[in-house]
Amino acid sequence: MSYEGSSAKPQDQAPQSSSQLLKSYFLENFGLWVGFVQSRFSLPRGDSEDVVMTAFREAAAQEWGDGGDALDRLGAFMGARVQWRAKDHLKSEARRLQHEVTCDTAVTQHLPDTGLAQPEQSFAEQEDRKWVHLVIQQLSPRDRKHASLVLDGLTPQECALELGLTEVNERVRRHRWMSRVTQIVQQDREEQR
């Protein structure tokens, strides 16, 4: 079955309004589109559902009319929009991961090495801890708590559970405060030059 279009509209069926058409199309094809995104783009079910729901919201903003070709136009629109949204999701995920790696590297460069035992090294370790503490103190209280969970080694799923957020909201918040930390680190480096 091709996902580019939808099944043909029976000829004996009465014309539907745009909202009725979209509702019936949604009920019949939501699971198919989610399965398509999961298999074609290897996204988890939750992300696939988000992609398809976004495409359906965009379709709901359109007027489809009640002509015989409305169902075909809706199917073609959904095919293009779902693929575009899935690719956009993959790109943003790649950017988020790249940013997390950059931010984690920037922060962990200043974390102490636990194997240090010499006095001058323990002084440097204390200075690094102070620096990390100062960077984190510049965040909001909510972001400070989130940062401390990340520095304690919790996974994004564990952080989301601990903070009472969905995984998507946890990722968004993590991205925002990591952007702020990166900004602070870059400003500090520029000031030291």
N, C-alpha and C. Protein backbone atom coordinates (compact mmCIF):
# COMPACT_ATOMS: atom_id res chain seq x y z
N MET A 1 0.84 -1.18 0.00
CA MET A 1 0.00 0.00 0.00
C MET A 1 0.87 1.24 0.00
N SER A 2 0.55 2.18 -0.82
CA SER A 2 1.30 3.43 -0.88
C SER A 2 0.80 4.38 0.20
N TYR A 3 1.73 5.05 0.84
CA TYR A 3 1.35 6.01 1.86
C TYR A 3 1.16 7.39 1.30
N GLU A 4 1.40 7.56 0.04
CA GLU A 4 1.30 8.88 -0.57
C GLU A 4 -0.15 9.33 -0.71
N GLY A 5 -1.04 8.44 -0.87
CA GLY A 5 -2.45 8.79 -1.02
C GLY A 5 -3.27 7.98 -0.04
N SER A 6 -4.56 7.98 -0.22
CA SER A 6 -5.41 7.20 0.66
C SER A 6 -6.33 6.36 -0.19
N SER A 7 -7.12 5.56 0.46
CA SER A 7 -8.04 4.72 -0.28
C SER A 7 -9.07 5.60 -0.98
N ALA A 8 -9.56 5.12 -2.09
CA ALA A 8 -10.51 5.90 -2.89
C ALA A 8 -11.82 6.06 -2.14
N LYS A 9 -12.47 7.19 -2.36
CA LYS A 9 -13.73 7.50 -1.72
C LYS A 9 -14.85 6.78 -2.48
N PRO A 10 -15.68 6.02 -1.81
CA PRO A 10 -16.76 5.34 -2.51
C PRO A 10 -17.66 6.35 -3.21
N GLN A 11 -18.11 6.01 -4.39
CA GLN A 11 -18.93 6.92 -5.19
C GLN A 11 -20.31 7.14 -4.60
N ASP A 12 -20.83 6.13 -3.85
CA ASP A 12 -22.18 6.27 -3.32
C ASP A 12 -22.21 7.03 -2.00
N GLN A 13 -21.06 7.47 -1.50
CA GLN A 13 -21.01 8.20 -0.24
C GLN A 13 -21.33 9.67 -0.48
N ALA A 14 -22.08 10.25 0.44
CA ALA A 14 -22.45 11.66 0.33
C ALA A 14 -21.23 12.53 0.56
N PRO A 15 -21.16 13.71 -0.05
CA PRO A 15 -20.03 14.61 0.17
C PRO A 15 -19.90 14.97 1.65
N GLN A 16 -18.66 15.11 2.10
CA GLN A 16 -18.39 15.44 3.50
C GLN A 16 -17.85 16.86 3.59
N SER A 17 -18.07 17.48 4.75
CA SER A 17 -17.45 18.78 4.99
C SER A 17 -15.96 18.54 5.22
N SER A 18 -15.21 19.62 5.18
CA SER A 18 -13.76 19.52 5.35
C SER A 18 -13.40 18.90 6.70
N SER A 19 -14.09 19.31 7.77
CA SER A 19 -13.78 18.77 9.10
C SER A 19 -14.19 17.30 9.21
N GLN A 20 -15.31 16.92 8.61
CA GLN A 20 -15.73 15.52 8.63
C GLN A 20 -14.73 14.66 7.85
N LEU A 21 -14.29 15.17 6.72
CA LEU A 21 -13.32 14.46 5.90
C LEU A 21 -12.04 14.23 6.69
N LEU A 22 -11.56 15.28 7.32
CA LEU A 22 -10.31 15.17 8.09
C LEU A 22 -10.49 14.21 9.26
N LYS A 23 -11.63 14.28 9.95
CA LYS A 23 -11.87 13.40 11.09
C LYS A 23 -11.89 11.94 10.65
N SER A 24 -12.61 11.63 9.59
CA SER A 24 -12.68 10.24 9.14
C SER A 24 -11.31 9.78 8.63
N TYR A 25 -10.60 10.66 7.93
CA TYR A 25 -9.26 10.32 7.45
C TYR A 25 -8.33 10.05 8.62
N PHE A 26 -8.41 10.89 9.65
CA PHE A 26 -7.59 10.72 10.85
C PHE A 26 -7.86 9.36 11.50
N LEU A 27 -9.14 9.05 11.71
CA LEU A 27 -9.49 7.80 12.37
C LEU A 27 -9.03 6.58 11.58
N GLU A 28 -9.10 6.66 10.26
CA GLU A 28 -8.73 5.52 9.43
C GLU A 28 -7.21 5.39 9.24
N ASN A 29 -6.49 6.51 9.24
CA ASN A 29 -5.10 6.48 8.79
C ASN A 29 -4.05 6.87 9.82
N PHE A 30 -4.44 7.29 11.01
CA PHE A 30 -3.45 7.73 11.99
C PHE A 30 -2.43 6.63 12.28
N GLY A 31 -2.92 5.44 12.59
CA GLY A 31 -2.02 4.32 12.90
C GLY A 31 -1.10 3.96 11.73
N LEU A 32 -1.63 4.07 10.51
CA LEU A 32 -0.81 3.78 9.33
C LEU A 32 0.33 4.79 9.20
N TRP A 33 0.01 6.07 9.40
CA TRP A 33 1.05 7.09 9.28
C TRP A 33 2.10 6.94 10.38
N VAL A 34 1.66 6.61 11.60
CA VAL A 34 2.61 6.41 12.70
C VAL A 34 3.53 5.24 12.37
N GLY A 35 2.96 4.14 11.88
CA GLY A 35 3.76 2.98 11.48
C GLY A 35 4.73 3.32 10.36
N PHE A 36 4.27 4.13 9.41
CA PHE A 36 5.13 4.55 8.31
C PHE A 36 6.34 5.33 8.84
N VAL A 37 6.09 6.29 9.72
CA VAL A 37 7.18 7.10 10.27
C VAL A 37 8.14 6.23 11.08
N GLN A 38 7.58 5.32 11.87
CA GLN A 38 8.44 4.45 12.68
C GLN A 38 9.35 3.60 11.78
N SER A 39 8.78 3.02 10.74
CA SER A 39 9.59 2.12 9.91
C SER A 39 10.50 2.89 8.95
N ARG A 40 10.02 3.96 8.37
CA ARG A 40 10.80 4.70 7.36
C ARG A 40 11.92 5.52 7.99
N PHE A 41 11.65 6.14 9.16
CA PHE A 41 12.61 7.05 9.76
C PHE A 41 13.19 6.54 11.07
N SER A 42 12.80 5.35 11.49
CA SER A 42 13.32 4.71 12.71
C SER A 42 13.14 5.58 13.94
N LEU A 43 12.00 6.23 14.02
CA LEU A 43 11.71 7.06 15.20
C LEU A 43 10.92 6.22 16.21
N PRO A 44 11.08 6.50 17.50
CA PRO A 44 10.27 5.80 18.50
C PRO A 44 8.79 6.16 18.33
N ARG A 45 7.94 5.35 18.88
CA ARG A 45 6.49 5.54 18.69
C ARG A 45 6.04 6.93 19.14
N GLY A 46 6.48 7.39 20.29
CA GLY A 46 6.06 8.70 20.78
C GLY A 46 6.44 9.83 19.83
N ASP A 47 7.67 9.80 19.33
CA ASP A 47 8.11 10.82 18.38
C ASP A 47 7.35 10.70 17.07
N SER A 48 7.08 9.46 16.64
CA SER A 48 6.32 9.25 15.41
C SER A 48 4.91 9.82 15.54
N GLU A 49 4.29 9.58 16.69
CA GLU A 49 2.96 10.13 16.92
C GLU A 49 2.98 11.65 16.92
N ASP A 50 4.01 12.25 17.51
CA ASP A 50 4.13 13.72 17.51
C ASP A 50 4.25 14.26 16.10
N VAL A 51 5.04 13.59 15.27
CA VAL A 51 5.23 14.01 13.88
C VAL A 51 3.89 13.96 13.14
N VAL A 52 3.19 12.84 13.27
CA VAL A 52 1.92 12.68 12.56
C VAL A 52 0.87 13.66 13.08
N MET A 53 0.82 13.87 14.39
CA MET A 53 -0.16 14.83 14.95
C MET A 53 0.13 16.24 14.45
N THR A 54 1.38 16.61 14.34
CA THR A 54 1.72 17.94 13.82
C THR A 54 1.24 18.07 12.39
N ALA A 55 1.44 17.03 11.59
CA ALA A 55 0.97 17.06 10.20
C ALA A 55 -0.55 17.15 10.15
N PHE A 56 -1.25 16.43 11.02
CA PHE A 56 -2.72 16.51 11.04
C PHE A 56 -3.18 17.89 11.48
N ARG A 57 -2.49 18.51 12.44
CA ARG A 57 -2.87 19.88 12.84
C ARG A 57 -2.72 20.84 11.66
N GLU A 58 -1.65 20.66 10.90
CA GLU A 58 -1.45 21.50 9.72
C GLU A 58 -2.52 21.24 8.67
N ALA A 59 -2.93 19.98 8.54
CA ALA A 59 -4.00 19.64 7.60
C ALA A 59 -5.33 20.24 8.05
N ALA A 60 -5.54 20.31 9.37
CA ALA A 60 -6.79 20.87 9.89
C ALA A 60 -6.90 22.36 9.60
N ALA A 61 -5.77 23.02 9.41
CA ALA A 61 -5.79 24.45 9.12
C ALA A 61 -6.13 24.73 7.65
N GLN A 62 -6.16 23.68 6.83
CA GLN A 62 -6.46 23.82 5.41
C GLN A 62 -7.95 23.59 5.17
N GLU A 63 -8.43 24.07 4.06
CA GLU A 63 -9.80 23.82 3.63
C GLU A 63 -9.73 22.78 2.52
N TRP A 64 -10.39 21.65 2.71
CA TRP A 64 -10.30 20.54 1.77
C TRP A 64 -11.50 20.45 0.85
N GLY A 65 -12.57 21.16 1.18
CA GLY A 65 -13.76 21.13 0.33
C GLY A 65 -14.45 19.78 0.40
N ASP A 66 -15.41 19.58 -0.50
CA ASP A 66 -16.14 18.32 -0.48
C ASP A 66 -16.15 17.64 -1.85
N GLY A 67 -15.27 18.07 -2.73
CA GLY A 67 -15.20 17.47 -4.06
C GLY A 67 -14.63 16.07 -4.00
N GLY A 68 -14.76 15.35 -5.09
CA GLY A 68 -14.27 13.98 -5.16
C GLY A 68 -12.77 13.86 -5.01
N ASP A 69 -12.04 14.92 -5.33
CA ASP A 69 -10.58 14.86 -5.23
C ASP A 69 -10.07 15.34 -3.87
N ALA A 70 -10.96 15.72 -2.97
CA ALA A 70 -10.53 16.24 -1.65
C ALA A 70 -9.75 15.20 -0.87
N LEU A 71 -10.22 13.95 -0.92
CA LEU A 71 -9.54 12.88 -0.19
C LEU A 71 -8.15 12.63 -0.78
N ASP A 72 -8.05 12.69 -2.10
CA ASP A 72 -6.75 12.50 -2.75
C ASP A 72 -5.80 13.64 -2.40
N ARG A 73 -6.31 14.88 -2.41
CA ARG A 73 -5.47 16.03 -2.06
C ARG A 73 -5.02 15.94 -0.61
N LEU A 74 -5.93 15.51 0.29
CA LEU A 74 -5.57 15.36 1.70
C LEU A 74 -4.50 14.28 1.87
N GLY A 75 -4.65 13.16 1.18
CA GLY A 75 -3.65 12.08 1.26
C GLY A 75 -2.29 12.54 0.76
N ALA A 76 -2.28 13.27 -0.36
CA ALA A 76 -1.01 13.77 -0.90
C ALA A 76 -0.39 14.79 0.05
N PHE A 77 -1.22 15.66 0.63
CA PHE A 77 -0.73 16.65 1.59
C PHE A 77 -0.10 15.95 2.79
N MET A 78 -0.80 14.94 3.34
CA MET A 78 -0.28 14.22 4.51
C MET A 78 1.01 13.49 4.17
N GLY A 79 1.08 12.89 2.97
CA GLY A 79 2.30 12.19 2.59
C GLY A 79 3.50 13.11 2.58
N ALA A 80 3.32 14.27 1.96
CA ALA A 80 4.43 15.24 1.88
C ALA A 80 4.75 15.81 3.26
N ARG A 81 3.70 16.18 4.00
CA ARG A 81 3.90 16.86 5.29
C ARG A 81 4.50 15.93 6.34
N VAL A 82 4.05 14.68 6.38
CA VAL A 82 4.59 13.73 7.36
C VAL A 82 6.07 13.48 7.09
N GLN A 83 6.43 13.31 5.83
CA GLN A 83 7.85 13.08 5.51
C GLN A 83 8.68 14.32 5.85
N TRP A 84 8.17 15.49 5.53
CA TRP A 84 8.90 16.72 5.83
C TRP A 84 9.08 16.88 7.34
N ARG A 85 8.01 16.66 8.10
CA ARG A 85 8.09 16.80 9.56
C ARG A 85 9.02 15.76 10.18
N ALA A 86 9.01 14.54 9.67
CA ALA A 86 9.90 13.50 10.20
C ALA A 86 11.36 13.86 9.94
N LYS A 87 11.66 14.33 8.74
CA LYS A 87 13.03 14.74 8.42
C LYS A 87 13.45 15.93 9.29
N ASP A 88 12.54 16.87 9.49
CA ASP A 88 12.82 18.02 10.34
C ASP A 88 13.09 17.57 11.78
N HIS A 89 12.33 16.59 12.25
CA HIS A 89 12.53 16.06 13.60
C HIS A 89 13.91 15.43 13.72
N LEU A 90 14.31 14.65 12.71
CA LEU A 90 15.63 14.03 12.74
C LEU A 90 16.74 15.07 12.74
N LYS A 91 16.58 16.13 11.94
CA LYS A 91 17.59 17.19 11.91
C LYS A 91 17.68 17.89 13.26
N SER A 92 16.53 18.21 13.86
CA SER A 92 16.57 18.90 15.15
C SER A 92 17.14 17.99 16.23
N GLU A 93 16.86 16.69 16.16
CA GLU A 93 17.43 15.75 17.12
C GLU A 93 18.94 15.70 16.98
N ALA A 94 19.42 15.70 15.74
CA ALA A 94 20.87 15.68 15.50
C ALA A 94 21.51 16.96 16.04
N ARG A 95 20.85 18.12 15.82
CA ARG A 95 21.38 19.38 16.34
C ARG A 95 21.37 19.37 17.86
N ARG A 96 20.32 18.83 18.48
CA ARG A 96 20.22 18.78 19.94
C ARG A 96 21.34 17.91 20.50
N LEU A 97 21.56 16.75 19.88
CA LEU A 97 22.62 15.87 20.36
C LEU A 97 23.99 16.51 20.20
N GLN A 98 24.21 17.18 19.08
CA GLN A 98 25.48 17.88 18.86
C GLN A 98 25.67 18.96 19.94
N HIS A 99 24.61 19.69 20.23
CA HIS A 99 24.68 20.75 21.23
C HIS A 99 24.95 20.16 22.62
N GLU A 100 24.28 19.04 22.95
CA GLU A 100 24.51 18.41 24.25
C GLU A 100 25.95 17.97 24.40
N VAL A 101 26.51 17.39 23.34
CA VAL A 101 27.91 16.95 23.40
C VAL A 101 28.82 18.14 23.61
N THR A 102 28.58 19.22 22.86
CA THR A 102 29.40 20.43 23.00
C THR A 102 29.29 20.99 24.40
N CYS A 103 28.06 21.07 24.91
CA CYS A 103 27.84 21.64 26.24
C CYS A 103 28.43 20.73 27.32
N ASP A 104 28.20 19.43 27.19
CA ASP A 104 28.76 18.49 28.17
C ASP A 104 30.28 18.59 28.20
N THR A 105 30.88 18.72 27.03
CA THR A 105 32.33 18.84 26.95
C THR A 105 32.79 20.13 27.62
N ALA A 106 32.06 21.23 27.35
CA ALA A 106 32.45 22.52 27.94
C ALA A 106 32.36 22.48 29.46
N VAL A 107 31.34 21.85 29.99
CA VAL A 107 31.17 21.80 31.44
C VAL A 107 32.15 20.80 32.05
N THR A 108 32.28 19.61 31.45
CA THR A 108 33.11 18.59 32.06
C THR A 108 34.60 18.89 31.95
N GLN A 109 35.00 19.80 31.07
CA GLN A 109 36.40 20.20 31.02
C GLN A 109 36.81 20.83 32.34
N HIS A 110 35.85 21.40 33.04
CA HIS A 110 36.15 22.09 34.29
C HIS A 110 35.81 21.25 35.51
N LEU A 111 35.38 20.01 35.30
CA LEU A 111 35.12 19.14 36.44
C LEU A 111 36.42 18.51 36.90
N PRO A 112 36.54 18.28 38.19
CA PRO A 112 37.80 17.73 38.72
C PRO A 112 37.97 16.26 38.37
N ASP A 113 39.23 15.84 38.29
CA ASP A 113 39.58 14.44 38.12
C ASP A 113 39.67 13.85 39.52
N THR A 114 38.89 12.83 39.82
CA THR A 114 38.83 12.29 41.18
C THR A 114 40.12 11.61 41.62
N GLY A 115 41.02 11.30 40.70
CA GLY A 115 42.26 10.63 41.05
C GLY A 115 43.36 11.57 41.52
N LEU A 116 43.10 12.87 41.61
CA LEU A 116 44.13 13.83 42.00
C LEU A 116 44.40 13.74 43.50
N ALA A 117 45.70 13.73 43.86
CA ALA A 117 46.04 13.60 45.28
C ALA A 117 47.06 14.63 45.72
N GLN A 118 47.76 15.28 44.81
CA GLN A 118 48.78 16.23 45.19
C GLN A 118 48.13 17.56 45.60
N PRO A 119 48.73 18.30 46.55
CA PRO A 119 48.13 19.53 47.06
C PRO A 119 47.80 20.55 45.97
N GLU A 120 48.74 20.75 45.03
CA GLU A 120 48.46 21.75 44.00
C GLU A 120 47.32 21.30 43.09
N GLN A 121 47.19 19.96 42.91
CA GLN A 121 46.09 19.45 42.10
C GLN A 121 44.76 19.57 42.84
N SER A 122 44.76 19.34 44.15
CA SER A 122 43.50 19.46 44.89
C SER A 122 43.06 20.93 44.93
N PHE A 123 44.02 21.87 44.92
CA PHE A 123 43.65 23.29 44.83
C PHE A 123 42.97 23.57 43.49
N ALA A 124 43.55 23.03 42.41
CA ALA A 124 42.96 23.20 41.08
C ALA A 124 41.58 22.55 41.03
N GLU A 125 41.45 21.41 41.68
CA GLU A 125 40.16 20.72 41.73
C GLU A 125 39.13 21.58 42.43
N GLN A 126 39.52 22.20 43.55
CA GLN A 126 38.59 23.07 44.27
C GLN A 126 38.20 24.28 43.42
N GLU A 127 39.16 24.82 42.69
CA GLU A 127 38.87 25.96 41.81
C GLU A 127 37.90 25.56 40.70
N ASP A 128 38.10 24.37 40.15
CA ASP A 128 37.20 23.88 39.10
C ASP A 128 35.79 23.70 39.65
N ARG A 129 35.69 23.13 40.84
CA ARG A 129 34.37 22.95 41.45
C ARG A 129 33.70 24.30 41.69
N LYS A 130 34.47 25.27 42.16
CA LYS A 130 33.91 26.62 42.37
C LYS A 130 33.42 27.20 41.06
N TRP A 131 34.21 27.01 40.00
CA TRP A 131 33.84 27.55 38.70
C TRP A 131 32.53 26.92 38.20
N VAL A 132 32.43 25.58 38.28
CA VAL A 132 31.21 24.90 37.85
C VAL A 132 30.04 25.36 38.70
N HIS A 133 30.26 25.50 40.00
CA HIS A 133 29.20 25.97 40.91
C HIS A 133 28.75 27.39 40.51
N LEU A 134 29.70 28.25 40.18
CA LEU A 134 29.35 29.61 39.77
C LEU A 134 28.56 29.63 38.46
N VAL A 135 28.93 28.78 37.52
CA VAL A 135 28.20 28.70 36.26
C VAL A 135 26.77 28.23 36.52
N ILE A 136 26.64 27.20 37.31
CA ILE A 136 25.30 26.65 37.58
C ILE A 136 24.47 27.64 38.39
N GLN A 137 25.09 28.43 39.25
CA GLN A 137 24.35 29.41 40.05
C GLN A 137 23.74 30.52 39.19
N GLN A 138 24.25 30.69 37.98
CA GLN A 138 23.71 31.71 37.09
C GLN A 138 22.43 31.25 36.40
N LEU A 139 22.06 29.98 36.59
CA LEU A 139 20.83 29.44 36.02
C LEU A 139 19.66 29.70 36.97
N SER A 140 18.46 29.52 36.47
CA SER A 140 17.27 29.65 37.32
C SER A 140 17.23 28.48 38.30
N PRO A 141 16.48 28.61 39.41
CA PRO A 141 16.43 27.50 40.37
C PRO A 141 15.99 26.17 39.73
N ARG A 142 15.02 26.24 38.85
CA ARG A 142 14.53 25.03 38.18
C ARG A 142 15.64 24.41 37.33
N ASP A 143 16.38 25.26 36.60
CA ASP A 143 17.47 24.77 35.76
C ASP A 143 18.65 24.27 36.59
N ARG A 144 18.88 24.90 37.75
CA ARG A 144 19.95 24.44 38.65
C ARG A 144 19.67 23.01 39.12
N LYS A 145 18.40 22.75 39.48
CA LYS A 145 18.04 21.41 39.92
C LYS A 145 18.24 20.42 38.78
N HIS A 146 17.81 20.80 37.59
CA HIS A 146 17.96 19.95 36.41
C HIS A 146 19.44 19.67 36.14
N ALA A 147 20.27 20.72 36.20
CA ALA A 147 21.70 20.57 35.96
C ALA A 147 22.34 19.65 36.99
N SER A 148 21.92 19.78 38.24
CA SER A 148 22.50 18.91 39.28
C SER A 148 22.14 17.45 39.03
N LEU A 149 20.93 17.20 38.52
CA LEU A 149 20.54 15.82 38.20
C LEU A 149 21.40 15.27 37.06
N VAL A 150 21.65 16.12 36.05
CA VAL A 150 22.49 15.69 34.93
C VAL A 150 23.91 15.43 35.40
N LEU A 151 24.46 16.33 36.23
CA LEU A 151 25.81 16.13 36.74
C LEU A 151 25.91 14.92 37.67
N ASP A 152 24.78 14.53 38.28
CA ASP A 152 24.76 13.32 39.10
C ASP A 152 24.68 12.06 38.25
N GLY A 153 24.53 12.23 36.94
CA GLY A 153 24.56 11.08 36.03
C GLY A 153 23.21 10.51 35.66
N LEU A 154 22.11 11.20 35.97
CA LEU A 154 20.80 10.69 35.60
C LEU A 154 20.58 10.77 34.10
N THR A 155 19.87 9.81 33.55
CA THR A 155 19.54 9.81 32.13
C THR A 155 18.41 10.82 31.89
N PRO A 156 18.18 11.21 30.64
CA PRO A 156 17.06 12.12 30.36
C PRO A 156 15.72 11.58 30.86
N GLN A 157 15.50 10.27 30.73
CA GLN A 157 14.25 9.68 31.21
C GLN A 157 14.14 9.80 32.72
N GLU A 158 15.25 9.54 33.43
CA GLU A 158 15.25 9.65 34.89
C GLU A 158 15.05 11.09 35.33
N CYS A 159 15.68 12.03 34.61
CA CYS A 159 15.49 13.45 34.92
C CYS A 159 14.04 13.85 34.74
N ALA A 160 13.43 13.40 33.64
CA ALA A 160 12.03 13.73 33.37
C ALA A 160 11.15 13.21 34.49
N LEU A 161 11.39 12.00 34.93
CA LEU A 161 10.61 11.41 36.02
C LEU A 161 10.81 12.19 37.32
N GLU A 162 12.06 12.52 37.61
CA GLU A 162 12.39 13.25 38.84
C GLU A 162 11.77 14.65 38.85
N LEU A 163 11.74 15.30 37.68
CA LEU A 163 11.25 16.67 37.59
C LEU A 163 9.74 16.73 37.30
N GLY A 164 9.13 15.58 37.07
CA GLY A 164 7.70 15.55 36.78
C GLY A 164 7.36 16.10 35.39
N LEU A 165 8.23 15.82 34.43
CA LEU A 165 8.05 16.32 33.07
C LEU A 165 7.90 15.14 32.11
N THR A 166 7.40 15.45 30.93
CA THR A 166 7.46 14.45 29.87
C THR A 166 8.88 14.45 29.34
N GLU A 167 9.25 13.40 28.63
CA GLU A 167 10.61 13.32 28.09
C GLU A 167 10.86 14.45 27.09
N VAL A 168 9.84 14.80 26.32
CA VAL A 168 9.99 15.88 25.34
C VAL A 168 10.25 17.20 26.05
N ASN A 169 9.48 17.49 27.10
CA ASN A 169 9.68 18.74 27.85
C ASN A 169 11.05 18.74 28.52
N GLU A 170 11.48 17.58 29.02
CA GLU A 170 12.80 17.50 29.64
C GLU A 170 13.87 17.84 28.63
N ARG A 171 13.74 17.33 27.41
CA ARG A 171 14.73 17.61 26.37
C ARG A 171 14.76 19.09 26.02
N VAL A 172 13.59 19.69 25.92
CA VAL A 172 13.52 21.12 25.58
C VAL A 172 14.18 21.95 26.68
N ARG A 173 13.82 21.67 27.93
CA ARG A 173 14.41 22.42 29.04
C ARG A 173 15.92 22.20 29.13
N ARG A 174 16.34 20.95 28.94
CA ARG A 174 17.78 20.64 28.97
C ARG A 174 18.50 21.44 27.89
N HIS A 175 17.93 21.46 26.70
CA HIS A 175 18.54 22.21 25.59
C HIS A 175 18.66 23.69 25.95
N ARG A 176 17.62 24.26 26.54
CA ARG A 176 17.65 25.69 26.88
C ARG A 176 18.71 26.01 27.91
N TRP A 177 18.75 25.23 29.01
CA TRP A 177 19.75 25.59 30.02
C TRP A 177 21.16 25.23 29.57
N MET A 178 21.31 24.22 28.73
CA MET A 178 22.65 23.91 28.21
C MET A 178 23.11 25.02 27.26
N SER A 179 22.17 25.60 26.52
CA SER A 179 22.52 26.75 25.68
C SER A 179 23.02 27.89 26.54
N ARG A 180 22.34 28.12 27.66
CA ARG A 180 22.74 29.18 28.58
C ARG A 180 24.13 28.88 29.17
N VAL A 181 24.38 27.63 29.55
CA VAL A 181 25.69 27.26 30.10
C VAL A 181 26.78 27.47 29.06
N THR A 182 26.52 27.06 27.83
CA THR A 182 27.49 27.26 26.75
C THR A 182 27.80 28.73 26.57
N GLN A 183 26.76 29.55 26.64
CA GLN A 183 26.93 31.00 26.52
C GLN A 183 27.80 31.54 27.65
N ILE A 184 27.56 31.10 28.86
CA ILE A 184 28.33 31.54 30.02
C ILE A 184 29.78 31.12 29.88
N VAL A 185 30.00 29.87 29.48
CA VAL A 185 31.37 29.35 29.31
C VAL A 185 32.11 30.16 28.24
N GLN A 186 31.45 30.43 27.12
CA GLN A 186 32.09 31.19 26.04
C GLN A 186 32.41 32.61 26.51
N GLN A 187 31.51 33.24 27.25
CA GLN A 187 31.76 34.59 27.77
C GLN A 187 32.95 34.57 28.73
N ASP A 188 33.00 33.54 29.57
CA ASP A 188 34.11 33.44 30.52
C ASP A 188 35.44 33.26 29.79
N ARG A 189 35.44 32.46 28.74
CA ARG A 189 36.69 32.26 27.97
C ARG A 189 37.12 33.56 27.28
N GLU A 190 36.16 34.29 26.75
CA GLU A 190 36.49 35.56 26.07
C GLU A 190 37.03 36.57 27.08
N GLU A 191 36.49 36.57 28.28
CA GLU A 191 36.97 37.50 29.31
C GLU A 191 38.39 37.13 29.75
N GLN A 192 38.74 35.85 29.73
CA GLN A 192 40.06 35.42 30.14
C GLN A 192 41.13 35.72 29.11
N ARG A 193 40.73 35.96 27.85
CA ARG A 193 41.70 36.24 26.78
C ARG A 193 42.26 37.62 26.88
